[in-house]
Amino acid sequence: MSRTADIDFHFVHPVTVTAVVGAVSPFGWSPREPLGVSYLIDEDDDFDWERGGAADAEFIVEQLDSSDAGATHVGISLFSEAASTGGTMLFFPGRRMVSFTPSIYRRQLVEGSSITDIAWYLGQFAGPLATLGLSGYEARDVDG
């Protein structure tokens, strides 16, 4: 069985990738992860993530925002170098829901546990995203 953890953030109005990255960047989060920049522009329902160079991060974010926000899923990796953890932000069509999945050196609730420290991730993102019109969130960590 595999563990699944994510947080779905709901917004009053559509948000852009630029706005989300801009809101969390003062708190140490960046699209630049250890292997470059992972991103998704899903035009064929395959959800094939791609990788770009760290120097291309701003260009990639612009490309994500220029996609069809009404019909296309887009995503970007976010990483905190100071905390040595990160994950992916998936933007749903309409851009009023954004889901974060801790997938890069996922923080554990207790050392040796497989349970994700969801509260830590919420503490990192909920405040900054509230400035963008966050209306609520759903968080889960389930086995299986």
Protein backbone atom coordinates (compact mmCIF):
# COMPACT_ATOMS: atom_id res chain seq x y z
CA MET A 1 0.00 0.00 0.00
CA SER A 2 1.12 3.53 -0.63
CA ARG A 3 0.52 6.65 1.40
CA THR A 4 -1.30 9.59 -0.18
CA ALA A 5 -1.12 13.08 1.24
CA ASP A 6 -2.37 16.34 -0.21
CA ILE A 7 -3.99 19.64 0.63
CA ASP A 8 -6.68 21.12 -1.62
CA PHE A 9 -6.83 24.91 -1.37
CA HIS A 10 -10.06 26.61 -2.48
CA PHE A 11 -10.17 30.25 -3.58
CA VAL A 12 -12.96 32.80 -3.91
CA HIS A 13 -11.61 33.91 -7.31
CA PRO A 14 -9.28 32.24 -9.83
CA VAL A 15 -5.58 32.44 -8.99
CA THR A 16 -2.55 32.37 -11.24
CA VAL A 17 0.63 30.36 -10.89
CA THR A 18 2.51 33.66 -10.72
CA ALA A 19 0.36 34.85 -7.81
CA VAL A 20 0.74 31.60 -5.84
CA VAL A 21 4.50 31.41 -6.38
CA GLY A 22 4.75 35.10 -5.48
CA ALA A 23 2.75 34.61 -2.27
CA VAL A 24 4.89 31.74 -0.96
CA SER A 25 8.32 32.86 -2.20
CA PRO A 26 8.93 35.33 0.68
CA PHE A 27 8.61 32.31 2.97
CA GLY A 28 11.39 30.41 1.21
CA TRP A 29 9.42 28.44 -1.41
CA SER A 30 10.64 28.35 -5.00
CA PRO A 31 9.87 26.46 -8.21
CA ARG A 32 13.56 25.58 -8.27
CA GLU A 33 13.94 22.11 -6.76
CA PRO A 34 17.10 19.97 -6.53
CA LEU A 35 16.66 18.63 -10.09
CA GLY A 36 15.53 21.83 -11.81
CA VAL A 37 11.88 22.82 -12.29
CA SER A 38 9.15 20.20 -12.65
CA TYR A 39 6.02 21.40 -14.39
CA LEU A 40 2.86 20.21 -16.12
CA ILE A 41 0.72 21.60 -18.90
CA ASP A 42 -1.90 18.90 -19.36
CA GLU A 43 -3.34 19.20 -22.85
CA ASP A 44 -4.19 15.52 -23.40
CA ASP A 45 -5.22 14.14 -19.97
CA ASP A 46 -1.95 12.22 -19.64
CA PHE A 47 -0.55 14.29 -16.74
CA ASP A 48 3.01 13.95 -18.04
CA TRP A 49 5.25 16.13 -15.88
CA GLU A 50 8.25 17.68 -17.60
CA ARG A 51 11.51 19.08 -16.28
CA GLY A 52 13.21 22.35 -17.14
CA GLY A 53 16.36 24.03 -15.98
CA ALA A 54 16.39 26.15 -12.82
CA ALA A 55 17.33 29.22 -14.91
CA ASP A 56 14.06 28.80 -16.86
CA ALA A 57 11.77 29.00 -13.80
CA GLU A 58 10.28 32.43 -14.59
CA PHE A 59 9.68 31.51 -18.23
CA ILE A 60 8.01 28.23 -17.18
CA VAL A 61 5.69 30.02 -14.76
CA GLU A 62 4.70 32.45 -17.54
CA GLN A 63 3.96 29.50 -19.86
CA LEU A 64 1.75 27.91 -17.20
CA ASP A 65 -0.21 31.15 -16.79
CA SER A 66 -0.64 31.54 -20.56
CA SER A 67 -2.34 28.13 -20.90
CA ASP A 68 -6.13 27.83 -21.14
CA ALA A 69 -7.10 28.35 -17.49
CA GLY A 70 -10.66 27.20 -18.09
CA ALA A 71 -9.83 23.79 -19.50
CA THR A 72 -6.28 22.82 -18.62
CA HIS A 73 -4.59 21.44 -15.52
CA VAL A 74 -1.16 22.95 -14.91
CA GLY A 75 1.34 22.25 -12.18
CA ILE A 76 4.67 23.35 -10.78
CA SER A 77 7.07 21.96 -8.20
CA LEU A 78 7.76 24.04 -5.11
CA PHE A 79 10.74 23.50 -2.85
CA SER A 80 11.95 25.02 0.40
CA GLU A 81 15.72 24.81 0.55
CA ALA A 82 15.76 25.85 4.21
CA ALA A 83 13.34 23.06 5.19
CA SER A 84 14.70 20.54 2.64
CA THR A 85 11.21 19.58 1.49
CA GLY A 86 8.79 20.29 -1.30
CA GLY A 87 6.11 18.96 -3.57
CA THR A 88 3.87 19.80 -6.48
CA MET A 89 1.10 22.36 -6.84
CA LEU A 90 -1.61 21.27 -9.27
CA PHE A 91 -3.92 24.01 -10.57
CA PHE A 92 -7.33 22.74 -11.65
CA PRO A 93 -9.32 24.13 -14.60
CA GLY A 94 -10.91 27.41 -13.58
CA ARG A 95 -8.00 28.03 -11.15
CA ARG A 96 -10.21 28.20 -8.06
CA MET A 97 -8.76 24.98 -6.63
CA VAL A 98 -5.06 24.23 -6.19
CA SER A 99 -3.79 20.98 -4.72
CA PHE A 100 -0.41 20.60 -3.01
CA THR A 101 1.16 17.13 -2.75
CA PRO A 102 4.24 16.85 -0.53
CA SER A 103 6.42 14.63 -2.68
CA ILE A 104 9.99 15.89 -2.34
CA TYR A 105 11.59 14.72 0.92
CA ARG A 106 8.14 14.61 2.55
CA ARG A 107 8.15 15.67 6.22
CA GLN A 108 7.00 12.99 8.63
CA LEU A 109 4.79 13.69 11.62
CA VAL A 110 7.05 11.65 13.89
CA GLU A 111 10.53 10.35 13.07
CA GLY A 112 10.19 6.92 11.47
CA SER A 113 6.46 7.35 10.83
CA SER A 114 4.91 7.21 7.38
CA ILE A 115 2.31 9.82 8.36
CA THR A 116 2.85 13.20 6.73
CA ASP A 117 3.19 16.32 8.89
CA ILE A 118 0.22 17.96 7.16
CA ALA A 119 -0.04 20.64 9.88
CA TRP A 120 3.49 21.83 9.05
CA TYR A 121 2.65 22.19 5.36
CA LEU A 122 -0.60 23.98 6.19
CA GLY A 123 1.36 26.37 8.37
CA GLN A 124 3.66 27.09 5.45
CA PHE A 125 0.96 27.72 2.83
CA ALA A 126 -2.38 28.73 4.36
CA GLY A 127 -1.29 32.17 5.61
CA PRO A 128 0.41 33.29 2.40
CA LEU A 129 -2.44 31.92 0.26
CA ALA A 130 -5.04 33.70 2.41
CA THR A 131 -3.77 36.94 0.85
CA LEU A 132 -4.99 35.60 -2.51
CA GLY A 133 -8.56 34.96 -1.37
CA LEU A 134 -8.25 31.50 0.16
CA SER A 135 -11.76 30.41 1.17
CA GLY A 136 -10.89 27.05 2.71
CA TYR A 137 -8.89 23.88 2.41
CA GLU A 138 -9.18 20.12 2.71
CA ALA A 139 -6.19 18.15 3.97
CA ARG A 140 -5.72 14.40 3.99
CA ASP A 141 -3.13 11.76 4.62
CA VAL A 142 -4.33 8.23 4.00
CA ASP A 143 -2.75 4.82 3.73
CA GLY A 144 -3.85 2.84 0.75
